[in-house]
Structure formats: structure tokens, C-alpha cells
Amino acid sequence: MASYIVNDEDVKNFLKLPSMNDQEGIGFAYATDETVLKRLIPQPLKLIAPIVCGYVVHMGKPTFSRPYLEQSMFALVSYKDKMMGAYPLNLLLDGPGAESAVIAGREGAGIPKKIADKIELYRNDNSATAKVMRHGKVLLDVSWQKGALNDPSIMQQFAGQLSLGKEAEMNSFFYTYDLTQHEDGANTFDNVELVTTQLRSLADQVEPGNLSIKLGETDDDPFSELKVLKPLGATWFHLEKSTMFNTIKLEKADAEAVIPKLLTARYDRCFFNPKAVDYTI
């Protein structure tokens, strides 16, 4: 019989070695406005290149939820010129496991995740398309055509991550925080901290190709702020396994400087303004 009380073993195994195994879909990269991208990245992280990377994938065998579809866009950054990795700007999810995956990522690791209206991912032999929709609008429309990359030099950025049959490690940077309500009802963000989560992945399929991409936006999802200046390329890839195996606390952060750059990717405007409501049910 089910119970609201779990045993000690379940407590020990809570989100232990969260893995996104059997991950397959389109990865892409494009050049964007360097000034805009720098402005979106909280210090002390530093932008490595004016490039937005992203993916739309099917998570076939996650260890913390049922299968789901996930979209992400991120920048390549460095921490104190020593540690390099990804700084996610947005993640949207759809499918049977989406709710659990949002909770696991946002509450468990500080990852900027929200639920999409719908994510579509189709492959037909040597081509593939993906669309991400939210609040009735298309936010991301990408297509991959197997063959030559738009800019072959982009593979230098990802050679280590996409080496077939060889485990690769990558850092992702997030900010965690506590929310504290006070006597007047207002909330403050306390204990803001920069962390990096270390990810170990194994790719067993990588097919380079040409990228076509269009961006849209809603009031809650300003994807087009990350405007496309030049498509660089796309790949169809499959990760046999991908595991978040360690999280390192790097340093405390200034809430006033950091929090304004975190909220939009995690929460809709109704969290700030009760009149910002969509009445479509």
C-alpha cells in the first residue's frame, strides 16, 4: 500500500545520479549579438564567444521521470578563466515526464525550466524539424539537413562533447537561492549562490548538417532577444547516457545583481504581476 511516509532507503536515493539516458534529437549553434548576450550573463561568469547553442531532444530513459521532450538554449562561459561550461538561458519541456523533470531540475539543481505548450520533433531520413510552442506561439522553429555545416569551424567548439564512443565531461552553471517571506508579505531572495553541475555523457551517434532557424517570443519567453545573426550548423545526435554526477558550490552571489537575470527563464510574469494572466484553459 502507498504511504506519505517513505523509508530511509528512498530518502538516500532521492535524485541520486540523475541521468538523461537515451537522449536523441537536434543540436544547433548560431552567432548572435555579443552585447546582448553579455548583458544576460551574471558576473562573475564571462562569455567565451557570441554564440548561442541549443538542442531539442527526446529524453527516452530518464532516471527521475517518464520520457519527455526538452528544448534548451545556452551560452558558453568561463568562471575565473579556469572552468568552462554552459550557462543555460532557457529550457522548456513537454510530454509525460515533463512535470517531474521540471521539478527535479528547477528545485533540485536551480535549472531554469518551464513547461511548454507543445514540443514537436520529427526526423525523416536525412532531415529533421523541431518546433517549440508556448502561450499559443512558436518560440523556436529549427530544421536540420544532413550534410555540410553552415560554418565547418563550429565543430572545433564541440569536438570534445561529440566524440563518438568516448565519455565527455561538461560543466553547467546555475544559481540557487532561498525564497523568504516577511511580515509585509513581500519575498526576498536569500543565500544566492553560483554552482556548477558536472555532467558525464557518452555519444554514440553524431550526424552534422545544415541549420535553418527562426525565433519567436511571448511576454514570458523572450527567445527573439537572442537574435540569429548567422546559423553555424546543426547535428542529429544520440547520447546513450548522460549523468549529472556532482555539484560544486563556487561562491555566494549578490542577489540584487543576479536575481533580475534569473526569474524570466524560471517563472512567468504572473509571479510579479497578478494582472498578467492568460485566461485560455
C-alpha atoms as a PDB file:
ATOM      1  CA  MET A   1       0.000   0.000   0.000  1.00  0.00           C
ATOM      2  CA  ALA A   2       1.236   3.510  -0.829  1.00  0.00           C
ATOM      3  CA  SER A   3       2.102   5.870   2.021  1.00  0.00           C
ATOM      4  CA  TYR A   4       3.009   9.527   2.522  1.00  0.00           C
ATOM      5  CA  ILE A   5       5.976   8.281   4.539  1.00  0.00           C
ATOM      6  CA  VAL A   6       8.940   6.880   2.617  1.00  0.00           C
ATOM      7  CA  ASN A   7      11.604   4.600   4.026  1.00  0.00           C
ATOM      8  CA  ASP A   8      15.215   5.580   4.737  1.00  0.00           C
ATOM      9  CA  GLU A   9      16.460   3.900   1.571  1.00  0.00           C
ATOM     10  CA  ASP A  10      14.142   6.047  -0.559  1.00  0.00           C
ATOM     11  CA  VAL A  11      15.457   9.176   1.158  1.00  0.00           C
ATOM     12  CA  LYS A  12      19.040   8.142   0.377  1.00  0.00           C
ATOM     13  CA  ASN A  13      18.155   7.500  -3.271  1.00  0.00           C
ATOM     14  CA  PHE A  14      16.294  10.787  -3.836  1.00  0.00           C
ATOM     15  CA  LEU A  15      17.560  12.187  -7.186  1.00  0.00           C
ATOM     16  CA  LYS A  16      20.703  10.077  -6.851  1.00  0.00           C
ATOM     17  CA  LEU A  17      22.823  10.310 -10.021  1.00  0.00           C
ATOM     18  CA  PRO A  18      20.055  11.872 -12.126  1.00  0.00           C
ATOM     19  CA  SER A  19      20.515  10.691 -15.698  1.00  0.00           C
ATOM     20  CA  MET A  20      19.001  11.609 -19.057  1.00  0.00           C
ATOM     21  CA  ASN A  21      19.778   8.395 -20.927  1.00  0.00           C
ATOM     22  CA  ASP A  22      18.726   7.536 -24.485  1.00  0.00           C
ATOM     23  CA  GLN A  23      18.729  11.214 -25.480  1.00  0.00           C
ATOM     24  CA  GLU A  24      18.202  11.959 -29.172  1.00  0.00           C
ATOM     25  CA  GLY A  25      17.470  14.973 -31.339  1.00  0.00           C
ATOM     26  CA  ILE A  26      18.798  18.151 -32.939  1.00  0.00           C
ATOM     27  CA  GLY A  27      21.701  20.170 -31.571  1.00  0.00           C
ATOM     28  CA  PHE A  28      22.396  23.591 -33.081  1.00  0.00           C
ATOM     29  CA  ALA A  29      24.502  26.740 -32.836  1.00  0.00           C
ATOM     30  CA  TYR A  30      24.246  30.249 -34.233  1.00  0.00           C
ATOM     31  CA  ALA A  31      26.040  33.579 -33.916  1.00  0.00           C
ATOM     32  CA  THR A  32      24.216  36.311 -32.002  1.00  0.00           C
ATOM     33  CA  ASP A  33      24.660  39.885 -30.779  1.00  0.00           C
ATOM     34  CA  GLU A  34      27.606  39.838 -28.375  1.00  0.00           C
ATOM     35  CA  THR A  35      26.486  42.933 -26.448  1.00  0.00           C
ATOM     36  CA  VAL A  36      23.044  41.483 -25.759  1.00  0.00           C
ATOM     37  CA  LEU A  37      24.344  38.055 -24.779  1.00  0.00           C
ATOM     38  CA  LYS A  38      26.925  39.504 -22.381  1.00  0.00           C
ATOM     39  CA  ARG A  39      24.214  41.554 -20.679  1.00  0.00           C
ATOM     40  CA  LEU A  40      22.186  38.412 -19.933  1.00  0.00           C
ATOM     41  CA  ILE A  41      25.012  36.557 -18.180  1.00  0.00           C
ATOM     42  CA  PRO A  42      25.505  37.328 -14.471  1.00  0.00           C
ATOM     43  CA  GLN A  43      29.000  38.025 -13.205  1.00  0.00           C
ATOM     44  CA  PRO A  44      31.444  36.519 -12.404  1.00  0.00           C
ATOM     45  CA  LEU A  45      30.686  34.299 -15.412  1.00  0.00           C
ATOM     46  CA  LYS A  46      32.298  35.520 -18.637  1.00  0.00           C
ATOM     47  CA  LEU A  47      31.091  34.927 -22.166  1.00  0.00           C
ATOM     48  CA  ILE A  48      33.534  32.869 -24.245  1.00  0.00           C
ATOM     49  CA  ALA A  49      32.025  33.547 -27.673  1.00  0.00           C
ATOM     50  CA  PRO A  50      28.948  35.356 -29.077  1.00  0.00           C
ATOM     51  CA  ILE A  51      27.302  32.038 -29.876  1.00  0.00           C
ATOM     52  CA  VAL A  52      24.002  30.570 -28.729  1.00  0.00           C
ATOM     53  CA  CYS A  53      23.948  26.779 -28.602  1.00  0.00           C
ATOM     54  CA  GLY A  54      20.885  24.662 -28.115  1.00  0.00           C
ATOM     55  CA  TYR A  55      19.029  21.433 -28.634  1.00  0.00           C
ATOM     56  CA  VAL A  56      15.608  19.890 -29.000  1.00  0.00           C
ATOM     57  CA  VAL A  57      15.698  16.277 -27.855  1.00  0.00           C
ATOM     58  CA  HIS A  58      13.635  13.311 -26.758  1.00  0.00           C
ATOM     59  CA  MET A  59      14.686  12.043 -23.335  1.00  0.00           C
ATOM     60  CA  GLY A  60      13.929   8.367 -23.730  1.00  0.00           C
ATOM     61  CA  LYS A  61      15.100   6.880 -20.440  1.00  0.00           C
ATOM     62  CA  PRO A  62      15.467   9.480 -17.684  1.00  0.00           C
ATOM     63  CA  THR A  63      16.040   8.063 -14.210  1.00  0.00           C
ATOM     64  CA  PHE A  64      13.750  10.568 -12.456  1.00  0.00           C
ATOM     65  CA  SER A  65      10.657  10.710 -14.683  1.00  0.00           C
ATOM     66  CA  ARG A  66       8.808   9.213 -17.590  1.00  0.00           C
ATOM     67  CA  PRO A  67      10.072  10.140 -21.090  1.00  0.00           C
ATOM     68  CA  TYR A  68       9.760  13.759 -22.208  1.00  0.00           C
ATOM     69  CA  LEU A  69      10.876  16.283 -24.829  1.00  0.00           C
ATOM     70  CA  GLU A  70      13.242  19.100 -23.886  1.00  0.00           C
ATOM     71  CA  GLN A  71      14.470  22.286 -25.545  1.00  0.00           C
ATOM     72  CA  SER A  72      17.391  24.377 -24.331  1.00  0.00           C
ATOM     73  CA  MET A  73      19.432  27.392 -25.410  1.00  0.00           C
ATOM     74  CA  PHE A  74      22.689  28.220 -23.657  1.00  0.00           C
ATOM     75  CA  ALA A  75      25.858  30.305 -23.828  1.00  0.00           C
ATOM     76  CA  LEU A  76      29.427  29.071 -23.452  1.00  0.00           C
ATOM     77  CA  VAL A  77      31.024  30.777 -20.443  1.00  0.00           C
ATOM     78  CA  SER A  78      34.034  30.622 -18.154  1.00  0.00           C
ATOM     79  CA  TYR A  79      34.444  31.007 -14.401  1.00  0.00           C
ATOM     80  CA  LYS A  80      37.600  32.825 -13.282  1.00  0.00           C
ATOM     81  CA  ASP A  81      39.176  31.878 -16.625  1.00  0.00           C
ATOM     82  CA  LYS A  82      39.699  28.339 -15.315  1.00  0.00           C
ATOM     83  CA  MET A  83      36.417  26.434 -15.510  1.00  0.00           C
ATOM     84  CA  MET A  84      34.409  26.437 -18.756  1.00  0.00           C
ATOM     85  CA  GLY A  85      30.898  25.254 -19.425  1.00  0.00           C
ATOM     86  CA  ALA A  86      27.308  26.073 -20.355  1.00  0.00           C
ATOM     87  CA  TYR A  87      25.105  28.788 -18.911  1.00  0.00           C
ATOM     88  CA  PRO A  88      21.501  27.844 -19.822  1.00  0.00           C
ATOM     89  CA  LEU A  89      19.276  30.748 -20.820  1.00  0.00           C
ATOM     90  CA  ASN A  90      16.068  28.722 -21.123  1.00  0.00           C
ATOM     91  CA  LEU A  91      14.724  25.189 -21.004  1.00  0.00           C
ATOM     92  CA  LEU A  92      11.190  24.171 -21.979  1.00  0.00           C
ATOM     93  CA  LEU A  93       9.741  20.681 -21.552  1.00  0.00           C
ATOM     94  CA  ASP A  94       6.774  18.698 -22.839  1.00  0.00           C
ATOM     95  CA  GLY A  95       5.489  15.160 -22.515  1.00  0.00           C
ATOM     96  CA  PRO A  96       4.580  12.585 -19.850  1.00  0.00           C
ATOM     97  CA  GLY A  97       7.696  13.197 -17.748  1.00  0.00           C
ATOM     98  CA  ALA A  98       7.857  16.976 -18.164  1.00  0.00           C
ATOM     99  CA  GLU A  99       6.384  17.917 -14.779  1.00  0.00           C
ATOM    100  CA  SER A 100       8.734  15.635 -12.830  1.00  0.00           C
ATOM    101  CA  ALA A 101      11.708  16.806 -14.889  1.00  0.00           C
ATOM    102  CA  VAL A 102      10.904  20.486 -14.284  1.00  0.00           C
ATOM    103  CA  ILE A 103      10.607  19.881 -10.547  1.00  0.00           C
ATOM    104  CA  ALA A 104      13.793  17.821 -10.437  1.00  0.00           C
ATOM    105  CA  GLY A 105      15.754  20.407 -12.405  1.00  0.00           C
ATOM    106  CA  ARG A 106      14.408  23.674 -11.016  1.00  0.00           C
ATOM    107  CA  GLU A 107      14.026  22.667  -7.373  1.00  0.00           C
ATOM    108  CA  GLY A 108      16.822  20.123  -7.285  1.00  0.00           C
ATOM    109  CA  ALA A 109      19.556  21.955  -9.180  1.00  0.00           C
ATOM    110  CA  GLY A 110      18.470  25.537  -9.876  1.00  0.00           C
ATOM    111  CA  ILE A 111      17.992  24.869 -13.606  1.00  0.00           C
ATOM    112  CA  PRO A 112      15.803  27.418 -15.477  1.00  0.00           C
ATOM    113  CA  LYS A 113      12.948  25.134 -16.579  1.00  0.00           C
ATOM    114  CA  LYS A 114       9.324  25.718 -17.565  1.00  0.00           C
ATOM    115  CA  ILE A 115       6.564  23.715 -19.268  1.00  0.00           C
ATOM    116  CA  ALA A 116       5.922  24.245 -22.998  1.00  0.00           C
ATOM    117  CA  ASP A 117       2.513  24.068 -24.658  1.00  0.00           C
ATOM    118  CA  LYS A 118       3.962  21.593 -27.119  1.00  0.00           C
ATOM    119  CA  ILE A 119       7.293  20.413 -28.491  1.00  0.00           C
ATOM    120  CA  GLU A 120       7.453  18.616 -31.832  1.00  0.00           C
ATOM    121  CA  LEU A 121      10.464  16.679 -33.089  1.00  0.00           C
ATOM    122  CA  TYR A 122      10.386  14.821 -36.400  1.00  0.00           C
ATOM    123  CA  ARG A 123      13.051  13.025 -38.398  1.00  0.00           C
ATOM    124  CA  ASN A 124      12.564  11.806 -41.964  1.00  0.00           C
ATOM    125  CA  ASP A 125      15.686  10.018 -43.187  1.00  0.00           C
ATOM    126  CA  ASN A 126      18.283  12.759 -43.810  1.00  0.00           C
ATOM    127  CA  SER A 127      16.318  15.726 -42.477  1.00  0.00           C
ATOM    128  CA  ALA A 128      14.618  16.705 -39.239  1.00  0.00           C
ATOM    129  CA  THR A 129      12.490  19.524 -37.853  1.00  0.00           C
ATOM    130  CA  ALA A 130      11.583  20.734 -34.383  1.00  0.00           C
ATOM    131  CA  LYS A 131       9.106  23.302 -33.092  1.00  0.00           C
ATOM    132  CA  VAL A 132       8.620  24.645 -29.576  1.00  0.00           C
ATOM    133  CA  MET A 133       5.324  26.349 -28.722  1.00  0.00           C
ATOM    134  CA  ARG A 134       4.177  28.244 -25.651  1.00  0.00           C
ATOM    135  CA  HIS A 135       1.207  30.530 -24.975  1.00  0.00           C
ATOM    136  CA  GLY A 136      -0.037  29.732 -28.467  1.00  0.00           C
ATOM    137  CA  LYS A 137       3.065  30.997 -30.281  1.00  0.00           C
ATOM    138  CA  VAL A 138       6.020  29.286 -31.935  1.00  0.00           C
ATOM    139  CA  LEU A 139       9.154  30.231 -29.990  1.00  0.00           C
ATOM    140  CA  LEU A 140      11.641  28.068 -31.856  1.00  0.00           C
ATOM    141  CA  ASP A 141      11.496  26.511 -35.313  1.00  0.00           C
ATOM    142  CA  VAL A 142      14.632  24.625 -36.358  1.00  0.00           C
ATOM    143  CA  SER A 143      15.481  22.258 -39.169  1.00  0.00           C
ATOM    144  CA  TRP A 144      18.479  20.012 -39.820  1.00  0.00           C
ATOM    145  CA  GLN A 145      19.555  18.753 -43.204  1.00  0.00           C
ATOM    146  CA  LYS A 146      22.240  16.071 -43.106  1.00  0.00           C
ATOM    147  CA  GLY A 147      25.439  17.130 -44.852  1.00  0.00           C
ATOM    148  CA  ALA A 148      27.736  20.133 -44.593  1.00  0.00           C
ATOM    149  CA  LEU A 149      27.600  22.503 -41.641  1.00  0.00           C
ATOM    150  CA  ASN A 150      26.800  26.146 -42.364  1.00  0.00           C
ATOM    151  CA  ASP A 151      30.209  27.004 -40.865  1.00  0.00           C
ATOM    152  CA  PRO A 152      32.534  23.963 -40.511  1.00  0.00           C
ATOM    153  CA  SER A 153      34.738  25.739 -37.945  1.00  0.00           C
ATOM    154  CA  ILE A 154      31.964  25.402 -35.351  1.00  0.00           C
ATOM    155  CA  MET A 155      32.893  21.745 -34.821  1.00  0.00           C
ATOM    156  CA  GLN A 156      36.037  22.915 -33.032  1.00  0.00           C
ATOM    157  CA  GLN A 157      33.787  24.171 -30.219  1.00  0.00           C
ATOM    158  CA  PHE A 158      32.093  20.802 -29.741  1.00  0.00           C
ATOM    159  CA  ALA A 159      34.637  18.200 -30.807  1.00  0.00           C
ATOM    160  CA  GLY A 160      35.162  17.031 -27.222  1.00  0.00           C
ATOM    161  CA  GLN A 161      31.464  16.797 -26.406  1.00  0.00           C
ATOM    162  CA  LEU A 162      30.552  14.908 -29.574  1.00  0.00           C
ATOM    163  CA  SER A 163      33.361  12.356 -29.765  1.00  0.00           C
ATOM    164  CA  LEU A 164      31.805   9.021 -30.639  1.00  0.00           C
ATOM    165  CA  GLY A 165      32.215   6.250 -28.093  1.00  0.00           C
ATOM    166  CA  LYS A 166      34.234   8.392 -25.689  1.00  0.00           C
ATOM    167  CA  GLU A 167      32.908   9.737 -22.408  1.00  0.00           C
ATOM    168  CA  ALA A 168      32.952  13.526 -22.221  1.00  0.00           C
ATOM    169  CA  GLU A 169      32.565  15.764 -19.184  1.00  0.00           C
ATOM    170  CA  MET A 170      30.926  19.178 -19.190  1.00  0.00           C
ATOM    171  CA  ASN A 171      30.104  21.831 -16.607  1.00  0.00           C
ATOM    172  CA  SER A 172      26.811  23.686 -16.420  1.00  0.00           C
ATOM    173  CA  PHE A 173      26.489  26.817 -14.290  1.00  0.00           C
ATOM    174  CA  PHE A 174      23.358  27.663 -12.293  1.00  0.00           C
ATOM    175  CA  TYR A 175      22.314  29.925  -9.434  1.00  0.00           C
ATOM    176  CA  THR A 176      20.484  28.551  -6.409  1.00  0.00           C
ATOM    177  CA  TYR A 177      18.622  30.621  -3.807  1.00  0.00           C
ATOM    178  CA  ASP A 178      16.144  30.546  -0.931  1.00  0.00           C
ATOM    179  CA  LEU A 179      12.845  32.435  -1.011  1.00  0.00           C
ATOM    180  CA  THR A 180      11.905  34.126   2.283  1.00  0.00           C
ATOM    181  CA  GLN A 181       8.543  35.766   3.006  1.00  0.00           C
ATOM    182  CA  HIS A 182       8.418  38.644   5.507  1.00  0.00           C
ATOM    183  CA  GLU A 183       5.748  40.234   7.724  1.00  0.00           C
ATOM    184  CA  ASP A 184       4.553  42.585   4.986  1.00  0.00           C
ATOM    185  CA  GLY A 185       4.027  39.634   2.655  1.00  0.00           C
ATOM    186  CA  ALA A 186       6.933  40.514   0.388  1.00  0.00           C
ATOM    187  CA  ASN A 187       9.530  37.925  -0.553  1.00  0.00           C
ATOM    188  CA  THR A 188      13.291  38.275  -0.718  1.00  0.00           C
ATOM    189  CA  PHE A 189      15.860  36.066  -2.391  1.00  0.00           C
ATOM    190  CA  ASP A 190      18.445  34.905   0.123  1.00  0.00           C
ATOM    191  CA  ASN A 191      21.543  32.705   0.056  1.00  0.00           C
ATOM    192  CA  VAL A 192      22.056  33.235  -3.668  1.00  0.00           C
ATOM    193  CA  GLU A 193      24.910  31.017  -4.768  1.00  0.00           C
ATOM    194  CA  LEU A 194      26.684  30.144  -8.010  1.00  0.00           C
ATOM    195  CA  VAL A 195      27.089  26.400  -8.507  1.00  0.00           C
ATOM    196  CA  THR A 196      28.349  24.172 -11.271  1.00  0.00           C
ATOM    197  CA  THR A 197      26.891  20.777 -12.053  1.00  0.00           C
ATOM    198  CA  GLN A 198      29.226  18.293 -13.687  1.00  0.00           C
ATOM    199  CA  LEU A 199      27.789  16.118 -16.431  1.00  0.00           C
ATOM    200  CA  ARG A 200      29.268  12.963 -17.938  1.00  0.00           C
ATOM    201  CA  SER A 201      27.913  11.896 -21.351  1.00  0.00           C
ATOM    202  CA  LEU A 202      28.532   9.232 -23.974  1.00  0.00           C
ATOM    203  CA  ALA A 203      27.591   9.942 -27.605  1.00  0.00           C
ATOM    204  CA  ASP A 204      27.101   7.011 -29.972  1.00  0.00           C
ATOM    205  CA  GLN A 205      25.625   8.900 -32.934  1.00  0.00           C
ATOM    206  CA  VAL A 206      26.549  12.312 -34.393  1.00  0.00           C
ATOM    207  CA  GLU A 207      25.418  13.443 -37.847  1.00  0.00           C
ATOM    208  CA  PRO A 208      26.436  17.000 -38.841  1.00  0.00           C
ATOM    209  CA  GLY A 209      24.244  19.086 -41.098  1.00  0.00           C
ATOM    210  CA  ASN A 210      22.868  22.428 -42.174  1.00  0.00           C
ATOM    211  CA  LEU A 211      20.826  24.572 -39.786  1.00  0.00           C
ATOM    212  CA  SER A 212      17.762  26.693 -40.523  1.00  0.00           C
ATOM    213  CA  ILE A 213      16.295  28.514 -37.531  1.00  0.00           C
ATOM    214  CA  LYS A 214      13.558  31.009 -36.659  1.00  0.00           C
ATOM    215  CA  LEU A 215      12.802  32.530 -33.247  1.00  0.00           C
ATOM    216  CA  GLY A 216       9.586  33.939 -31.798  1.00  0.00           C
ATOM    217  CA  GLU A 217       8.551  35.282 -28.415  1.00  0.00           C
ATOM    218  CA  THR A 218       5.830  35.757 -25.838  1.00  0.00           C
ATOM    219  CA  ASP A 219       5.767  38.200 -22.929  1.00  0.00           C
ATOM    220  CA  ASP A 220       7.045  35.336 -20.773  1.00  0.00           C
ATOM    221  CA  ASP A 221       9.532  33.869 -23.247  1.00  0.00           C
ATOM    222  CA  PRO A 222      11.766  36.467 -24.990  1.00  0.00           C
ATOM    223  CA  PHE A 223      13.524  33.995 -27.281  1.00  0.00           C
ATOM    224  CA  SER A 224      13.915  36.582 -30.051  1.00  0.00           C
ATOM    225  CA  GLU A 225      16.104  38.690 -27.758  1.00  0.00           C
ATOM    226  CA  LEU A 226      18.750  36.095 -28.660  1.00  0.00           C
ATOM    227  CA  LYS A 227      18.526  37.066 -32.315  1.00  0.00           C
ATOM    228  CA  VAL A 228      20.073  34.971 -35.065  1.00  0.00           C
ATOM    229  CA  LEU A 229      22.874  36.768 -36.905  1.00  0.00           C
ATOM    230  CA  LYS A 230      24.293  33.698 -38.640  1.00  0.00           C
ATOM    231  CA  PRO A 231      23.361  29.990 -38.458  1.00  0.00           C
ATOM    232  CA  LEU A 232      26.533  27.992 -37.767  1.00  0.00           C
ATOM    233  CA  GLY A 233      25.349  24.420 -38.024  1.00  0.00           C
ATOM    234  CA  ALA A 234      23.354  21.561 -36.569  1.00  0.00           C
ATOM    235  CA  THR A 235      23.747  17.903 -35.708  1.00  0.00           C
ATOM    236  CA  TRP A 236      21.445  14.993 -35.173  1.00  0.00           C
ATOM    237  CA  PHE A 237      22.864  13.206 -32.153  1.00  0.00           C
ATOM    238  CA  HIS A 238      22.149  10.402 -29.716  1.00  0.00           C
ATOM    239  CA  LEU A 239      23.539  10.166 -26.203  1.00  0.00           C
ATOM    240  CA  GLU A 240      23.493   6.644 -24.824  1.00  0.00           C
ATOM    241  CA  LYS A 241      23.873   8.057 -21.334  1.00  0.00           C
ATOM    242  CA  SER A 242      24.184  11.447 -19.676  1.00  0.00           C
ATOM    243  CA  THR A 243      24.565  11.714 -15.903  1.00  0.00           C
ATOM    244  CA  MET A 244      24.778  14.669 -13.519  1.00  0.00           C
ATOM    245  CA  PHE A 245      27.313  13.227 -11.105  1.00  0.00           C
ATOM    246  CA  ASN A 246      28.494  16.140  -8.963  1.00  0.00           C
ATOM    247  CA  THR A 247      27.532  19.689  -7.971  1.00  0.00           C
ATOM    248  CA  ILE A 248      30.138  22.151  -6.694  1.00  0.00           C
ATOM    249  CA  LYS A 249      29.308  25.321  -4.768  1.00  0.00           C
ATOM    250  CA  LEU A 250      31.505  28.057  -6.242  1.00  0.00           C
ATOM    251  CA  GLU A 251      30.683  31.336  -4.472  1.00  0.00           C
ATOM    252  CA  LYS A 252      27.996  33.480  -2.876  1.00  0.00           C
ATOM    253  CA  ALA A 253      26.337  35.996  -5.186  1.00  0.00           C
ATOM    254  CA  ASP A 254      24.785  39.454  -4.836  1.00  0.00           C
ATOM    255  CA  ALA A 255      21.016  38.965  -5.022  1.00  0.00           C
ATOM    256  CA  GLU A 256      20.332  42.482  -6.343  1.00  0.00           C
ATOM    257  CA  ALA A 257      22.728  41.960  -9.250  1.00  0.00           C
ATOM    258  CA  VAL A 258      21.855  38.361 -10.096  1.00  0.00           C
ATOM    259  CA  ILE A 259      18.152  37.729  -9.429  1.00  0.00           C
ATOM    260  CA  PRO A 260      16.798  40.086 -12.155  1.00  0.00           C
ATOM    261  CA  LYS A 261      18.645  37.928 -14.697  1.00  0.00           C
ATOM    262  CA  LEU A 262      17.218  34.646 -13.381  1.00  0.00           C
ATOM    263  CA  LEU A 263      13.467  34.993 -12.991  1.00  0.00           C
ATOM    264  CA  THR A 264      12.094  35.170 -16.551  1.00  0.00           C
ATOM    265  CA  ALA A 265      13.539  31.789 -17.515  1.00  0.00           C
ATOM    266  CA  ARG A 266      12.019  30.176 -14.422  1.00  0.00           C
ATOM    267  CA  TYR A 267       8.694  31.941 -13.847  1.00  0.00           C
ATOM    268  CA  ASP A 268       6.013  33.701 -15.888  1.00  0.00           C
ATOM    269  CA  ARG A 269       5.090  37.349 -15.350  1.00  0.00           C
ATOM    270  CA  CYS A 270       2.047  36.424 -13.242  1.00  0.00           C
ATOM    271  CA  PHE A 271       4.529  35.807 -10.411  1.00  0.00           C
ATOM    272  CA  PHE A 272       5.299  39.546 -10.442  1.00  0.00           C
ATOM    273  CA  ASN A 273       2.014  40.976 -11.710  1.00  0.00           C
ATOM    274  CA  PRO A 274      -1.322  39.249 -10.929  1.00  0.00           C
ATOM    275  CA  LYS A 275      -2.911  41.041 -13.913  1.00  0.00           C
ATOM    276  CA  ALA A 276      -0.550  39.292 -16.344  1.00  0.00           C
ATOM    277  CA  VAL A 277      -2.902  36.351 -16.811  1.00  0.00           C
ATOM    278  CA  ASP A 278      -3.813  34.110 -19.738  1.00  0.00           C
ATOM    279  CA  TYR A 279      -7.481  33.104 -19.492  1.00  0.00           C
ATOM    280  CA  THR A 280      -7.232  30.371 -22.118  1.00  0.00           C
ATOM    281  CA  ILE A 281      -7.879  26.996 -20.474  1.00  0.00           C
END
